[in-house]
């Protein structure tokens, strides 16, 4: 009696599932690698701060919009900061003057002088660097690092876009920053 062999079936389906598994792994790894590559590291922040310290203009206007998202609401704050001779002379927050250099406030009147209770060190590019550094040091729930990304000007190092998100929550802060350097002779005084 002769044995009847069944015809061998092609096993192309195995190749299909191998390709499918590889594509699934790529679909998971590409966003992960991309997100890790754009995250802000302390070294990048230090390099940008160093560039700023070496290349910062003495006179500039800084406008920035801060969008903060909380689980139940979203806030927007607009700032205008004027720096002359390396010193903050004017800070406007949502169209309200919150700081005016005392020499300018005296010229504007006693009522304006009373507005100058804010510290000018809270504003300007160095203050933005300090805030980014503080946020980078914060850890999320369970000691995991929060997401932070920033873009810096290649010439002078000032930040022009920054995003910080607390991992595992809907807390998010975004800064859009526009700096306008002014000629050295430009002064408000």
Protein backbone atom coordinates (compact mmCIF):
# COMPACT_ATOMS: atom_id res chain seq x y z
CA UNK A 1 0.00 0.00 0.00
CA UNK A 2 1.36 3.35 -0.93
CA UNK A 3 1.05 6.35 1.31
CA UNK A 4 -0.84 9.29 -0.07
CA UNK A 5 0.85 12.56 0.70
CA UNK A 6 -1.28 15.63 0.90
CA UNK A 7 -0.09 18.49 -1.25
CA UNK A 8 2.00 21.03 0.65
CA UNK A 9 0.20 24.32 1.20
CA UNK A 10 2.09 27.55 0.82
CA UNK A 11 2.78 29.31 4.10
CA UNK A 12 2.55 32.85 2.83
CA UNK A 13 0.31 33.80 5.73
CA UNK A 14 3.29 33.55 8.09
CA UNK A 15 5.12 36.22 6.11
CA UNK A 16 2.03 38.44 6.21
CA UNK A 17 1.88 38.33 10.02
CA UNK A 18 5.64 38.87 10.36
CA UNK A 19 5.36 42.01 8.20
CA UNK A 20 2.30 43.11 10.19
CA UNK A 21 4.19 42.68 13.50
CA UNK A 22 7.17 44.67 12.17
CA UNK A 23 4.90 47.50 10.99
CA UNK A 24 3.15 47.57 14.38
CA UNK A 25 6.51 47.81 16.17
CA UNK A 26 7.60 50.65 13.87
CA UNK A 27 4.27 52.45 14.46
CA UNK A 28 4.91 52.35 18.21
CA UNK A 29 8.64 53.15 18.16
CA UNK A 30 8.69 56.07 15.69
CA UNK A 31 6.53 58.45 17.81
CA UNK A 32 8.36 57.36 20.96
CA UNK A 33 11.80 58.07 19.48
CA UNK A 34 10.57 61.34 17.96
CA UNK A 35 9.10 62.59 21.25
CA UNK A 36 12.27 61.69 23.13
CA UNK A 37 14.41 63.48 20.54
CA UNK A 38 12.53 66.80 20.78
CA UNK A 39 12.47 66.96 24.57
CA UNK A 40 14.41 69.73 26.24
CA UNK A 41 17.51 68.63 28.13
CA UNK A 42 19.38 70.67 30.75
CA UNK A 43 22.42 70.85 28.45
CA UNK A 44 20.39 72.48 25.66
CA UNK A 45 19.01 75.02 28.10
CA UNK A 46 22.51 75.77 29.42
CA UNK A 47 23.83 76.29 25.87
CA UNK A 48 20.99 78.67 25.01
CA UNK A 49 21.51 80.60 28.25
CA UNK A 50 25.24 80.88 27.52
CA UNK A 51 24.52 82.17 23.99
CA UNK A 52 22.13 84.71 25.50
CA UNK A 53 24.71 85.89 28.03
CA UNK A 54 27.26 86.41 25.24
CA UNK A 55 25.00 87.75 22.47
CA UNK A 56 22.06 89.42 24.24
CA UNK A 57 21.12 92.85 22.93
CA UNK A 58 21.11 95.61 25.54
CA UNK A 59 17.83 97.04 24.23
CA UNK A 60 14.92 94.86 23.22
CA UNK A 61 11.17 94.50 23.37
CA UNK A 62 9.82 91.12 24.40
CA UNK A 63 6.24 90.08 23.72
CA UNK A 64 5.03 86.71 24.85
CA UNK A 65 1.78 84.86 25.18
CA UNK A 66 1.44 82.25 27.92
CA UNK A 67 -1.33 79.67 27.44
CA UNK A 68 -1.98 77.50 30.45
CA UNK A 69 -4.37 74.58 30.23
CA UNK A 70 -5.86 73.13 33.41
CA UNK A 71 -8.26 70.18 33.53
CA UNK A 72 -11.30 72.45 33.60
CA UNK A 73 -10.16 75.73 32.04
CA UNK A 74 -7.67 77.50 29.80
CA UNK A 75 -5.93 80.79 30.59
CA UNK A 76 -4.12 83.22 28.31
CA UNK A 77 -1.74 85.88 29.57
CA UNK A 78 -0.06 88.43 27.30
CA UNK A 79 3.11 90.21 28.37
CA UNK A 80 5.12 93.10 26.98
CA UNK A 81 8.55 93.64 28.50
CA UNK A 82 10.83 96.50 27.48
CA UNK A 83 14.50 96.24 28.35
CA UNK A 84 16.85 99.20 27.95
CA UNK A 85 20.57 99.13 28.71
CA UNK A 86 20.10 95.58 30.03
CA UNK A 87 17.51 96.65 32.64
CA UNK A 88 13.77 95.98 32.58
CA UNK A 89 12.03 99.36 32.41
CA UNK A 90 8.44 98.42 31.57
CA UNK A 91 6.25 95.35 32.08
CA UNK A 92 2.69 95.20 30.80
CA UNK A 93 0.51 92.18 31.65
CA UNK A 94 -2.80 91.92 29.76
CA UNK A 95 -2.75 95.66 28.92
CA UNK A 96 -2.07 96.64 32.55
CA UNK A 97 1.22 98.20 33.59
CA UNK A 98 2.64 96.05 36.39
CA UNK A 99 6.14 97.51 36.49
CA UNK A 100 7.56 100.83 35.42
CA UNK A 101 11.13 101.84 36.15
CA UNK A 102 11.07 104.39 39.01
CA UNK A 103 12.82 107.06 36.92
CA UNK A 104 10.12 106.74 34.27
CA UNK A 105 7.33 106.39 36.83
CA UNK A 106 8.40 109.62 38.54
CA UNK A 107 8.18 111.45 35.22
CA UNK A 108 4.73 109.93 34.56
CA UNK A 109 3.32 110.94 37.94
CA UNK A 110 2.77 109.73 41.50
CA UNK A 111 -0.12 107.43 40.52
CA UNK A 112 2.10 105.52 38.11
CA UNK A 113 4.91 105.34 40.67
CA UNK A 114 2.62 103.27 42.91
CA UNK A 115 2.39 100.59 40.18
CA UNK A 116 6.09 99.76 40.39
CA UNK A 117 5.82 97.22 43.21
CA UNK A 118 6.65 94.21 40.99
CA UNK A 119 10.22 92.98 40.78
CA UNK A 120 11.68 93.50 37.30
CA UNK A 121 13.80 90.35 37.71
CA UNK A 122 10.61 88.27 37.24
CA UNK A 123 10.47 89.33 33.60
CA UNK A 124 12.72 89.29 30.55
CA UNK A 125 14.68 86.53 28.89
CA UNK A 126 16.80 85.57 31.97
CA UNK A 127 13.55 85.05 33.92
CA UNK A 128 12.22 82.79 31.13
CA UNK A 129 15.40 80.69 31.35
CA UNK A 130 14.99 80.46 35.14
CA UNK A 131 11.35 79.35 34.79
CA UNK A 132 12.29 76.69 32.22
CA UNK A 133 15.06 75.39 34.47
CA UNK A 134 12.67 75.20 37.43
CA UNK A 135 10.07 73.30 35.36
CA UNK A 136 12.72 70.89 34.05
CA UNK A 137 13.65 69.99 37.63
CA UNK A 138 10.08 69.07 38.53
CA UNK A 139 9.21 65.41 38.31
CA UNK A 140 5.82 64.10 37.42
CA UNK A 141 3.76 61.56 39.32
CA UNK A 142 5.74 58.46 40.34
CA UNK A 143 9.03 60.27 39.67
CA UNK A 144 8.64 60.25 35.89
CA UNK A 145 9.95 63.15 33.85
CA UNK A 146 7.45 65.64 32.47
CA UNK A 147 7.40 66.63 28.80
CA UNK A 148 9.20 69.86 27.90
CA UNK A 149 10.34 71.14 24.53
CA UNK A 150 11.77 74.48 23.48
CA UNK A 151 13.06 76.24 20.41
CA UNK A 152 15.85 78.78 20.77
CA UNK A 153 17.14 81.48 18.46
CA UNK A 154 20.38 80.22 16.87
CA UNK A 155 22.03 83.67 17.08
CA UNK A 156 21.38 84.97 20.58
CA UNK A 157 19.77 81.95 22.27
CA UNK A 158 16.48 83.53 23.40
CA UNK A 159 13.56 81.09 23.49
CA UNK A 160 10.78 81.66 20.98
CA UNK A 161 8.59 78.64 21.70
CA UNK A 162 8.25 76.51 24.81
CA UNK A 163 5.83 73.75 25.81
CA UNK A 164 5.67 72.05 29.20
CA UNK A 165 3.19 69.31 30.03
CA UNK A 166 2.80 67.47 33.31
CA UNK A 167 2.78 63.76 32.59
CA UNK A 168 -0.45 61.96 33.40
CA UNK A 169 -2.51 65.15 33.69
CA UNK A 170 -4.07 67.74 31.41
CA UNK A 171 -1.82 70.50 32.82
CA UNK A 172 0.01 72.20 29.95
CA UNK A 173 1.85 75.50 29.55
CA UNK A 174 2.87 76.98 26.20
CA UNK A 175 4.86 80.15 25.55
CA UNK A 176 5.04 81.92 22.21
CA UNK A 177 7.74 84.56 22.40
CA UNK A 178 8.67 87.38 20.05
CA UNK A 179 11.80 89.39 20.75
CA UNK A 180 12.56 92.59 18.84
CA UNK A 181 16.13 93.81 19.30
CA UNK A 182 16.52 97.58 19.14
CA UNK A 183 19.52 99.68 18.12
CA UNK A 184 21.90 100.54 21.00
CA UNK A 185 20.94 104.24 20.98
CA UNK A 186 17.23 103.42 21.53
CA UNK A 187 16.22 104.32 25.06
CA UNK A 188 13.09 105.31 26.95
CA UNK A 189 15.01 107.45 29.43
